[in-house]
Structure formats: C-alpha cells, structure tokens
C-alpha cells in the first residue's frame, strides 16, 4: 500500500506547530498537524493513498503542493512513497 510523505517547505505558522523540513508519513491516520492544514490537503492525500494521480501543471503526478488556508503561512509538499 502506498504511503504519502508530507514535507513542510516553508513555515511562518503563528502557533509554532511547524518548522521547515519537518516530515510526516501518512499511512491511514491523520498525522499530528493542525486541523486547518489537514482539512485543506486531505482530499489530495486520500487520492494518493488510493492510487490516484493529481493534476500538476500540464500533466498528472503522484504529488501536490499546497498552502495553509491561514494566508499561506505554511507551505507543504506531498508525494507518494512506496516501500
């Protein structure tokens, strides 16, 4: 079963939850990230966990980039990793 690696690319989180370079592996449960960010990326994570590809530029890929809904204070990258 694929896993999704989430990497914090940039963080200006006013709650101090994240630092740049932090990584989380998602298998089936929500990682320890704030609900606002998780809520905004969950559809992409779910699609990747279930074998989907996402629109990325002119093509499709098993990865995504997103920003926190709180004025983009946190930038995150998600990608499929297979073990």
C-alpha atoms as a PDB file:
ATOM      1  CA  UNK A   1       0.000   0.000   0.000  1.00  0.00           C
ATOM      2  CA  UNK A   2       1.401   3.434  -0.877  1.00  0.00           C
ATOM      3  CA  UNK A   3       2.248   5.988   1.766  1.00  0.00           C
ATOM      4  CA  UNK A   4       2.290   9.752   1.427  1.00  0.00           C
ATOM      5  CA  UNK A   5       5.217  11.788   2.705  1.00  0.00           C
ATOM      6  CA  UNK A   6       4.351  15.346   3.706  1.00  0.00           C
ATOM      7  CA  UNK A   7       7.215  17.829   3.895  1.00  0.00           C
ATOM      8  CA  UNK A   8       6.912  21.321   5.327  1.00  0.00           C
ATOM      9  CA  UNK A   9       8.689  23.518   2.784  1.00  0.00           C
ATOM     10  CA  UNK A  10       8.230  26.861   4.495  1.00  0.00           C
ATOM     11  CA  UNK A  11       6.630  27.882   7.782  1.00  0.00           C
ATOM     12  CA  UNK A  12       5.509  31.129   9.316  1.00  0.00           C
ATOM     13  CA  UNK A  13       2.972  29.318  11.492  1.00  0.00           C
ATOM     14  CA  UNK A  14       1.799  31.694  14.179  1.00  0.00           C
ATOM     15  CA  UNK A  15       1.108  28.755  16.515  1.00  0.00           C
ATOM     16  CA  UNK A  16       4.630  27.405  16.098  1.00  0.00           C
ATOM     17  CA  UNK A  17       3.454  23.923  15.064  1.00  0.00           C
ATOM     18  CA  UNK A  18       5.757  23.545  12.074  1.00  0.00           C
ATOM     19  CA  UNK A  19       9.337  24.149  11.007  1.00  0.00           C
ATOM     20  CA  UNK A  20      10.748  23.969   7.501  1.00  0.00           C
ATOM     21  CA  UNK A  21      11.999  20.490   6.643  1.00  0.00           C
ATOM     22  CA  UNK A  22       9.678  18.685   9.025  1.00  0.00           C
ATOM     23  CA  UNK A  23       8.313  15.436   7.537  1.00  0.00           C
ATOM     24  CA  UNK A  24       5.291  13.266   8.246  1.00  0.00           C
ATOM     25  CA  UNK A  25       4.408   9.862   6.792  1.00  0.00           C
ATOM     26  CA  UNK A  26       0.705   9.192   6.245  1.00  0.00           C
ATOM     27  CA  UNK A  27      -0.459   5.585   6.040  1.00  0.00           C
ATOM     28  CA  UNK A  28      -4.037   5.591   7.255  1.00  0.00           C
ATOM     29  CA  UNK A  29      -4.319   8.034  10.157  1.00  0.00           C
ATOM     30  CA  UNK A  30      -4.084  11.797  10.307  1.00  0.00           C
ATOM     31  CA  UNK A  31      -0.545  12.906  11.187  1.00  0.00           C
ATOM     32  CA  UNK A  32      -0.034  15.368  14.048  1.00  0.00           C
ATOM     33  CA  UNK A  33      -0.713  18.526  12.048  1.00  0.00           C
ATOM     34  CA  UNK A  34      -3.262  21.262  12.673  1.00  0.00           C
ATOM     35  CA  UNK A  35      -6.829  20.656  11.571  1.00  0.00           C
ATOM     36  CA  UNK A  36      -6.961  23.632   9.221  1.00  0.00           C
ATOM     37  CA  UNK A  37      -3.998  22.448   7.166  1.00  0.00           C
ATOM     38  CA  UNK A  38      -5.104  18.798   7.267  1.00  0.00           C
ATOM     39  CA  UNK A  39      -8.612  19.756   6.155  1.00  0.00           C
ATOM     40  CA  UNK A  40      -7.251  21.545   3.105  1.00  0.00           C
ATOM     41  CA  UNK A  41      -4.842  18.774   1.983  1.00  0.00           C
ATOM     42  CA  UNK A  42      -6.876  15.694   2.931  1.00  0.00           C
ATOM     43  CA  UNK A  43      -8.597  15.251  -0.478  1.00  0.00           C
ATOM     44  CA  UNK A  44      -5.191  15.145  -2.204  1.00  0.00           C
ATOM     45  CA  UNK A  45      -3.693  12.813   0.405  1.00  0.00           C
ATOM     46  CA  UNK A  46      -6.711  10.495   0.157  1.00  0.00           C
ATOM     47  CA  UNK A  47      -6.468  10.345  -3.633  1.00  0.00           C
ATOM     48  CA  UNK A  48      -2.756   9.488  -3.488  1.00  0.00           C
ATOM     49  CA  UNK A  49      -3.244   6.840  -0.792  1.00  0.00           C
ATOM     50  CA  UNK A  50      -5.784   5.173  -3.053  1.00  0.00           C
ATOM     51  CA  UNK A  51      -3.624   5.081  -6.183  1.00  0.00           C
ATOM     52  CA  UNK A  52      -4.770   8.312  -7.806  1.00  0.00           C
ATOM     53  CA  UNK A  53      -2.796  10.910  -9.733  1.00  0.00           C
ATOM     54  CA  UNK A  54      -3.354  14.643  -9.417  1.00  0.00           C
ATOM     55  CA  UNK A  55      -3.280  17.438 -11.977  1.00  0.00           C
ATOM     56  CA  UNK A  56       0.124  19.106 -11.905  1.00  0.00           C
ATOM     57  CA  UNK A  57       0.833  21.764 -14.489  1.00  0.00           C
ATOM     58  CA  UNK A  58       0.334  20.272 -17.940  1.00  0.00           C
ATOM     59  CA  UNK A  59       0.334  16.681 -16.707  1.00  0.00           C
ATOM     60  CA  UNK A  60      -0.501  14.439 -13.801  1.00  0.00           C
ATOM     61  CA  UNK A  61       1.700  13.331 -10.899  1.00  0.00           C
ATOM     62  CA  UNK A  62       1.600  11.465  -7.626  1.00  0.00           C
ATOM     63  CA  UNK A  63       2.418  14.621  -5.694  1.00  0.00           C
ATOM     64  CA  UNK A  64       0.994  18.003  -4.758  1.00  0.00           C
ATOM     65  CA  UNK A  65       1.913  21.357  -3.266  1.00  0.00           C
ATOM     66  CA  UNK A  66      -0.425  23.308  -1.016  1.00  0.00           C
ATOM     67  CA  UNK A  67      -0.535  26.192   1.404  1.00  0.00           C
ATOM     68  CA  UNK A  68      -2.211  26.718   4.732  1.00  0.00           C
ATOM     69  CA  UNK A  69      -5.629  28.392   4.455  1.00  0.00           C
ATOM     70  CA  UNK A  70      -4.405  30.942   7.036  1.00  0.00           C
ATOM     71  CA  UNK A  71      -2.925  33.297   4.440  1.00  0.00           C
ATOM     72  CA  UNK A  72      -0.487  30.634   3.187  1.00  0.00           C
ATOM     73  CA  UNK A  73       1.644  30.740   6.312  1.00  0.00           C
ATOM     74  CA  UNK A  74       2.692  27.112   5.831  1.00  0.00           C
ATOM     75  CA  UNK A  75       3.734  25.606   2.505  1.00  0.00           C
ATOM     76  CA  UNK A  76       3.602  21.812   2.235  1.00  0.00           C
ATOM     77  CA  UNK A  77       4.614  19.245  -0.361  1.00  0.00           C
ATOM     78  CA  UNK A  78       3.048  15.790  -0.531  1.00  0.00           C
ATOM     79  CA  UNK A  79       4.315  12.833  -2.542  1.00  0.00           C
ATOM     80  CA  UNK A  80       3.751   9.105  -2.795  1.00  0.00           C
ATOM     81  CA  UNK A  81       6.448   6.857  -1.412  1.00  0.00           C
ATOM     82  CA  UNK A  82       6.334   3.117  -1.917  1.00  0.00           C
ATOM     83  CA  UNK A  83       8.200   0.696   0.275  1.00  0.00           C
END
